[in-house]
């Protein structure tokens, strides 16, 4: 019997290590686009299509529970996990960090999608894009909405090199969190950023950009989290999630 942890986050790595050292057989799954973690438990990468699909993998490896500790915006994987668990009659639990909340002096504007955010960037001069990878269609739409008289630069920060053609006005910044407040402050000043586009990831690893934006009075467009299918249990405290997992799945 094994627990399948769907990871790709620091929380997922931490949880897998803790469960493994409690005697629970853990398989940690990660996309592997950035790096494959060095964990004591079994680690698989590259997704489940190459393994016959998630349902087949669950049946083949005798998985007794799925623990979804993916990024809050990994909508496809989270929903697939719920469906596969239901099909195999096993529980699917989820841990997601609580979203950030705006402070009194923050200048946030929430948008459901990147497409909804694009018109708000039309008159800006220096746009810091820190909401993950963008599709070619999203980039094209962004450029179409810039006023012809506007000299705008965009700074796209991601951990993995974009697999799309970037326009001359857009520069890729390769970086992997966590990020410090001083470095974020310096970056925003260096590029004279006048607006930030961000996902509401929660946690401490990337919150410094919001703290720096607050200090510099830079507005932030915050993309809201997607709606996910309901897991059997959802946790926002990693300690509580770990405690209940050990109580439920630790071998007697």
Foldseek 3Di string as FASTA:
>chain_A
DAEEEEEPDPLSQVLQQLCVVLVGQYEYEYQQQQHFDDHPHHYDHNDCVVVVADLNVCVVVVHQEYEYEYFLQPAVVQQSRQVSCVVVVHFYEYEAADFDDDDPQAAEDEDQDLLRCLLVCQQFAEEEEEAEADDPVSQVSNVVSHDPVHNHAYEYEDQHDHPDDHDPRYDYDHDDWQDDLVVLLVVCVVRVHQEYEYERRHDRRDCSNRVSCSVVVHHYYYHYGDDHDDGPYYDNDSVVVSVVCCVPRRDD
